[in-house]
């Protein structure tokens, strides 16, 4: 069976895939069972088989599973061989912008006028608000994935 665009990773299968990617080395059903907190190795094996059938994992000569392909996971982006949450990525971008703004304000504070200072303080407030929103969204995304593991 090959990858199908209509089949999207979700729930426990998504968690198993993310765990396998995060490990970065071959995993077996018992590793997955412990890492994803599943009830038995057979449940882990079923999800590993599903990912293999979808073309995202492959079995090595020792019966362990390794990443074969990068799955397009909703809400995540690939950076090289790592997969991270888009919300975490956006929060990190806004954190970098915030740090830059604070450095610029600190360097220019003694020599600039009142309007410049107020403008930059408002800019820092907006940037920090955006960073907080994306961080909160990332935390809710993590909580939802953990909850979906426990439901299934």
Protein backbone atom coordinates (compact mmCIF):
# COMPACT_ATOMS: atom_id res chain seq x y z
CA UNK A 1 0.00 0.00 0.00
CA UNK A 2 1.31 3.49 -0.80
CA UNK A 3 0.77 6.93 0.63
CA UNK A 4 -2.63 8.41 0.11
CA UNK A 5 -3.30 12.13 0.29
CA UNK A 6 -6.69 11.42 1.83
CA UNK A 7 -5.08 9.56 4.73
CA UNK A 8 -3.89 12.03 7.31
CA UNK A 9 -1.93 11.20 10.41
CA UNK A 10 -3.92 11.82 13.56
CA UNK A 11 -4.43 10.55 17.07
CA UNK A 12 -2.23 7.73 18.29
CA UNK A 13 -0.75 7.06 14.86
CA UNK A 14 0.45 10.67 14.74
CA UNK A 15 1.90 10.31 18.23
CA UNK A 16 3.73 7.12 17.23
CA UNK A 17 5.12 8.83 14.13
CA UNK A 18 6.25 11.91 16.09
CA UNK A 19 7.86 9.68 18.73
CA UNK A 20 9.74 7.73 16.05
CA UNK A 21 10.95 10.94 14.41
CA UNK A 22 11.97 12.41 17.76
CA UNK A 23 13.98 9.30 18.69
CA UNK A 24 15.93 9.52 15.46
CA UNK A 25 16.97 5.87 15.66
CA UNK A 26 15.26 2.52 15.06
CA UNK A 27 12.39 1.73 17.42
CA UNK A 28 10.50 -1.44 18.21
CA UNK A 29 6.95 -1.95 19.46
CA UNK A 30 8.06 -2.04 23.12
CA UNK A 31 9.97 1.24 22.76
CA UNK A 32 6.90 2.85 21.21
CA UNK A 33 4.61 1.36 23.85
CA UNK A 34 6.69 2.92 26.64
CA UNK A 35 7.40 6.20 24.84
CA UNK A 36 3.82 6.88 23.78
CA UNK A 37 2.24 5.26 26.87
CA UNK A 38 0.23 2.64 25.02
CA UNK A 39 -1.47 -0.31 26.68
CA UNK A 40 0.50 -3.11 24.97
CA UNK A 41 3.19 -3.81 22.37
CA UNK A 42 0.52 -5.16 20.01
CA UNK A 43 -1.21 -1.75 19.96
CA UNK A 44 2.13 -0.10 19.19
CA UNK A 45 2.82 -2.72 16.51
CA UNK A 46 -0.54 -2.00 14.85
CA UNK A 47 0.30 1.71 14.56
CA UNK A 48 3.83 0.99 13.35
CA UNK A 49 2.39 -1.32 10.67
CA UNK A 50 -0.08 1.36 9.64
CA UNK A 51 2.76 3.87 9.24
CA UNK A 52 4.76 1.30 7.26
CA UNK A 53 1.78 0.67 4.98
CA UNK A 54 1.45 4.43 4.46
CA UNK A 55 5.10 4.56 3.40
CA UNK A 56 6.45 6.67 6.27
CA UNK A 57 8.34 3.91 8.13
CA UNK A 58 10.24 0.83 7.07
CA UNK A 59 11.44 -2.21 8.93
CA UNK A 60 15.16 -2.87 9.17
CA UNK A 61 16.82 -6.32 9.30
CA UNK A 62 16.33 -6.47 13.09
CA UNK A 63 12.59 -5.89 12.93
CA UNK A 64 12.83 -2.31 14.17
CA UNK A 65 11.22 0.63 12.41
CA UNK A 66 13.05 3.61 10.93
CA UNK A 67 11.83 6.75 9.21
CA UNK A 68 11.48 6.24 5.48
CA UNK A 69 9.74 9.45 4.45
CA UNK A 70 8.67 12.81 5.76
CA UNK A 71 4.96 12.84 6.40
CA UNK A 72 3.07 16.07 5.83
CA UNK A 73 1.76 16.52 9.35
CA UNK A 74 -0.86 19.20 9.88
CA UNK A 75 0.43 21.86 12.26
CA UNK A 76 4.09 20.81 11.97
CA UNK A 77 6.99 21.78 9.72
CA UNK A 78 10.14 19.94 8.78
CA UNK A 79 13.45 21.70 9.38
CA UNK A 80 16.10 19.39 7.99
CA UNK A 81 15.57 16.02 9.67
CA UNK A 82 13.61 17.49 12.58
CA UNK A 83 9.89 18.11 12.82
CA UNK A 84 8.60 20.89 15.04
CA UNK A 85 5.26 22.47 15.77
CA UNK A 86 4.47 25.51 13.63
CA UNK A 87 3.24 27.28 16.75
CA UNK A 88 6.56 26.70 18.51
CA UNK A 89 8.43 27.89 15.42
CA UNK A 90 6.34 31.09 15.24
CA UNK A 91 6.80 31.71 18.97
CA UNK A 92 10.58 31.36 18.51
CA UNK A 93 10.53 33.82 15.59
CA UNK A 94 8.62 36.36 17.67
CA UNK A 95 11.01 35.79 20.58
CA UNK A 96 13.96 36.65 18.31
CA UNK A 97 12.16 39.77 17.09
CA UNK A 98 11.36 40.74 20.68
CA UNK A 99 14.99 40.36 21.77
CA UNK A 100 16.10 42.49 18.81
CA UNK A 101 13.56 45.18 19.67
CA UNK A 102 14.68 45.26 23.32
CA UNK A 103 18.34 45.57 22.28
CA UNK A 104 17.52 48.41 19.88
CA UNK A 105 15.51 50.21 22.55
CA UNK A 106 18.28 49.77 25.12
CA UNK A 107 20.92 51.15 22.75
CA UNK A 108 18.82 54.12 21.64
CA UNK A 109 17.05 54.89 24.91
CA UNK A 110 19.47 57.58 26.20
CA UNK A 111 19.60 59.52 22.93
CA UNK A 112 16.06 59.27 21.53
CA UNK A 113 13.02 61.38 22.22
CA UNK A 114 9.83 60.49 24.06
CA UNK A 115 7.87 59.55 20.90
CA UNK A 116 10.52 57.00 19.85
CA UNK A 117 10.51 55.41 23.30
CA UNK A 118 6.71 55.12 23.41
CA UNK A 119 6.64 53.72 19.84
CA UNK A 120 9.19 51.04 20.71
CA UNK A 121 7.48 50.15 23.97
CA UNK A 122 4.22 49.63 22.06
CA UNK A 123 6.07 47.59 19.45
CA UNK A 124 7.58 45.42 22.20
CA UNK A 125 4.11 44.98 23.74
CA UNK A 126 2.62 43.84 20.41
CA UNK A 127 5.51 41.47 19.67
CA UNK A 128 5.43 39.95 23.15
CA UNK A 129 1.66 39.48 22.86
CA UNK A 130 2.10 37.61 19.57
CA UNK A 131 4.81 35.45 21.14
CA UNK A 132 2.53 34.62 24.08
CA UNK A 133 -0.38 33.72 21.78
CA UNK A 134 1.77 31.33 19.72
CA UNK A 135 3.26 29.81 22.87
CA UNK A 136 -0.23 29.22 24.30
CA UNK A 137 -1.34 27.64 21.01
CA UNK A 138 1.70 25.34 21.06
CA UNK A 139 0.92 24.27 24.64
CA UNK A 140 -2.71 23.54 23.70
CA UNK A 141 -1.52 21.56 20.66
CA UNK A 142 0.74 19.42 22.89
CA UNK A 143 -2.08 18.89 25.37
CA UNK A 144 -4.45 17.82 22.58
CA UNK A 145 -1.96 15.24 21.27
CA UNK A 146 -1.46 13.82 24.77
CA UNK A 147 -5.24 13.68 25.27
CA UNK A 148 -5.75 11.86 21.96
CA UNK A 149 -3.31 9.18 23.09
CA UNK A 150 -5.27 8.55 26.28
CA UNK A 151 -8.66 8.41 24.52
CA UNK A 152 -7.70 5.72 21.98
